[in-house]
Amino acid sequence: MKKQKTKTLKKQKKSSGKGIFRYPSMLLSPIGSFLQDKLKNLEKRKKAIEKEDPFRDTTRVLDNASPDTDAAEQFGHARTSALKEQLDRRIIQIRKALTRIKIGKYGICEDCGQMIDTDRLMVYPEATLCAKDQAKREK
């Protein structure tokens, strides 16, 4: 009985007969805290980037701007927009991982239902897909 409690993974049976593995809460708690901190940092970074957007500058000249100023503003806006979009994707991914921790499905691929490799989770703790399914989505 003690051996079962000390195992790092708990095995439960699904109605289909397939085994589901769940990480114990003592392992998920630090991961959840890490992801919460990462989420706060990303949201702070997103706000800082929004402030850098030249289109948000109230002193900006709208008419008769020189071509080089206009080009710099366009480039700056495109840069900040791209960065915000990338941060938004990462924020969504972290929120999905935090939700999966809460519902007890962290570490399980949302496509195939198999366990995500622990090496992948160590490098990319917000992963919700196994490497194989992630590669399929990126094609």
Protein backbone atom coordinates (compact mmCIF):
# COMPACT_ATOMS: atom_id res chain seq x y z
CA MET A 1 0.00 0.00 0.00
CA LYS A 2 2.83 2.43 0.85
CA LYS A 3 4.49 1.75 -2.52
CA GLN A 4 1.38 2.95 -4.31
CA LYS A 5 1.33 6.20 -2.32
CA THR A 6 4.98 6.94 -2.99
CA LYS A 7 4.72 6.53 -6.74
CA THR A 8 5.02 9.82 -8.59
CA LEU A 9 2.22 8.98 -10.97
CA LYS A 10 -1.23 7.74 -10.13
CA LYS A 11 -2.91 5.47 -12.58
CA GLN A 12 -6.66 5.62 -12.99
CA LYS A 13 -8.87 3.68 -15.34
CA LYS A 14 -11.10 5.36 -17.85
CA SER A 15 -14.38 3.90 -18.98
CA SER A 16 -12.68 2.95 -22.26
CA GLY A 17 -10.21 0.80 -20.35
CA LYS A 18 -7.27 3.04 -21.23
CA GLY A 19 -5.07 4.10 -18.31
CA ILE A 20 -4.81 7.76 -17.39
CA PHE A 21 -1.86 9.05 -15.46
CA ARG A 22 -2.09 12.03 -13.15
CA TYR A 23 0.67 13.92 -11.47
CA PRO A 24 0.25 14.25 -7.71
CA SER A 25 -0.67 17.67 -6.34
CA MET A 26 2.66 17.99 -4.51
CA LEU A 27 4.37 18.07 -7.93
CA LEU A 28 1.78 20.29 -9.57
CA SER A 29 1.74 22.97 -6.89
CA PRO A 30 5.23 24.36 -7.71
CA ILE A 31 4.51 24.09 -11.43
CA GLY A 32 1.29 26.05 -10.96
CA SER A 33 3.13 28.72 -8.96
CA PHE A 34 5.84 28.93 -11.61
CA LEU A 35 3.24 29.31 -14.37
CA GLN A 36 1.34 31.96 -12.37
CA ASP A 37 4.56 33.98 -11.99
CA LYS A 38 5.32 33.56 -15.67
CA LEU A 39 1.80 34.73 -16.54
CA LYS A 40 2.16 37.88 -14.40
CA ASN A 41 5.52 38.68 -16.02
CA LEU A 42 4.10 38.24 -19.52
CA GLU A 43 1.14 40.48 -18.74
CA LYS A 44 3.49 43.17 -17.38
CA ARG A 45 5.66 42.87 -20.48
CA LYS A 46 2.60 43.18 -22.72
CA LYS A 47 1.55 46.42 -20.98
CA ALA A 48 5.09 47.81 -21.35
CA ILE A 49 5.11 46.96 -25.05
CA GLU A 50 1.71 48.58 -25.54
CA LYS A 51 3.16 51.81 -24.12
CA GLU A 52 6.00 51.66 -26.68
CA ASP A 53 3.57 51.70 -29.62
CA PRO A 54 4.17 54.97 -31.52
CA PHE A 55 0.51 55.07 -32.56
CA ARG A 56 -0.46 55.51 -28.89
CA ASP A 57 1.69 58.63 -28.54
CA THR A 58 -0.66 61.59 -28.05
CA THR A 59 1.95 64.09 -29.25
CA ARG A 60 2.30 62.29 -32.56
CA VAL A 61 1.82 64.44 -35.66
CA LEU A 62 -0.92 62.98 -37.84
CA ASP A 63 -0.64 65.27 -40.86
CA ASN A 64 2.36 66.23 -42.96
CA ALA A 65 4.80 63.91 -41.20
CA SER A 66 8.02 63.37 -43.08
CA PRO A 67 8.31 60.00 -44.87
CA ASP A 68 11.10 58.77 -42.62
CA THR A 69 9.12 59.63 -39.46
CA ASP A 70 6.03 57.96 -40.88
CA ALA A 71 8.06 54.86 -41.82
CA ALA A 72 9.61 54.69 -38.33
CA GLU A 73 6.16 54.92 -36.77
CA GLN A 74 4.81 52.22 -39.08
CA PHE A 75 7.75 49.96 -38.27
CA GLY A 76 7.42 50.60 -34.54
CA HIS A 77 3.71 49.85 -34.64
CA ALA A 78 4.24 46.65 -36.64
CA ARG A 79 6.94 45.56 -34.18
CA THR A 80 4.81 46.18 -31.09
CA SER A 81 1.79 44.52 -32.72
CA ALA A 82 3.80 41.40 -33.53
CA LEU A 83 5.25 41.23 -30.03
CA LYS A 84 1.81 41.67 -28.44
CA GLU A 85 0.39 38.91 -30.65
CA GLN A 86 3.20 36.55 -29.66
CA LEU A 87 2.72 37.39 -25.97
CA ASP A 88 -1.03 36.86 -26.30
CA ARG A 89 -0.42 33.35 -27.65
CA ARG A 90 1.93 32.53 -24.77
CA ILE A 91 -0.52 33.94 -22.22
CA ILE A 92 -3.32 31.79 -23.64
CA GLN A 93 -1.07 28.71 -23.56
CA ILE A 94 -0.15 29.31 -19.92
CA ARG A 95 -3.80 29.84 -18.96
CA LYS A 96 -4.70 26.57 -20.68
CA ALA A 97 -1.97 24.76 -18.74
CA LEU A 98 -3.15 26.29 -15.45
CA THR A 99 -6.71 25.20 -16.22
CA ARG A 100 -5.47 21.69 -16.98
CA ILE A 101 -3.71 21.65 -13.59
CA LYS A 102 -6.97 22.64 -11.86
CA ILE A 103 -9.03 19.96 -13.60
CA GLY A 104 -6.39 17.27 -13.14
CA LYS A 105 -5.36 16.85 -16.76
CA TYR A 106 -1.94 18.51 -16.67
CA GLY A 107 0.70 16.51 -18.51
CA ILE A 108 -1.85 14.73 -20.70
CA CYS A 109 -1.99 15.60 -24.39
CA GLU A 110 -5.26 17.30 -25.24
CA ASP A 111 -5.31 15.65 -28.70
CA CYS A 112 -4.31 12.02 -28.21
CA GLY A 113 -4.77 11.61 -24.43
CA GLN A 114 -1.29 10.17 -23.91
CA MET A 115 1.15 11.51 -21.35
CA ILE A 116 3.35 14.37 -22.46
CA ASP A 117 7.02 13.47 -22.12
CA THR A 118 8.37 14.79 -18.81
CA ASP A 119 11.47 16.15 -20.58
CA ARG A 120 9.16 18.29 -22.74
CA LEU A 121 7.30 19.51 -19.65
CA MET A 122 10.59 20.40 -17.95
CA VAL A 123 11.59 22.62 -20.87
CA TYR A 124 8.10 23.85 -21.77
CA PRO A 125 5.86 23.51 -18.68
CA GLU A 126 2.90 25.13 -20.40
CA ALA A 127 2.74 22.37 -23.02
CA THR A 128 -0.73 20.92 -23.54
CA LEU A 129 0.23 18.74 -26.51
CA CYS A 130 2.75 15.95 -26.87
CA ALA A 131 5.63 16.59 -29.28
CA LYS A 132 4.07 14.40 -31.99
CA ASP A 133 0.72 16.21 -31.96
CA GLN A 134 2.41 19.62 -31.73
CA ALA A 135 4.40 18.76 -34.86
CA LYS A 136 1.16 17.77 -36.63
CA ARG A 137 -0.43 21.12 -35.78
CA GLU A 138 2.57 23.06 -37.01
CA LYS A 139 2.46 21.48 -40.47
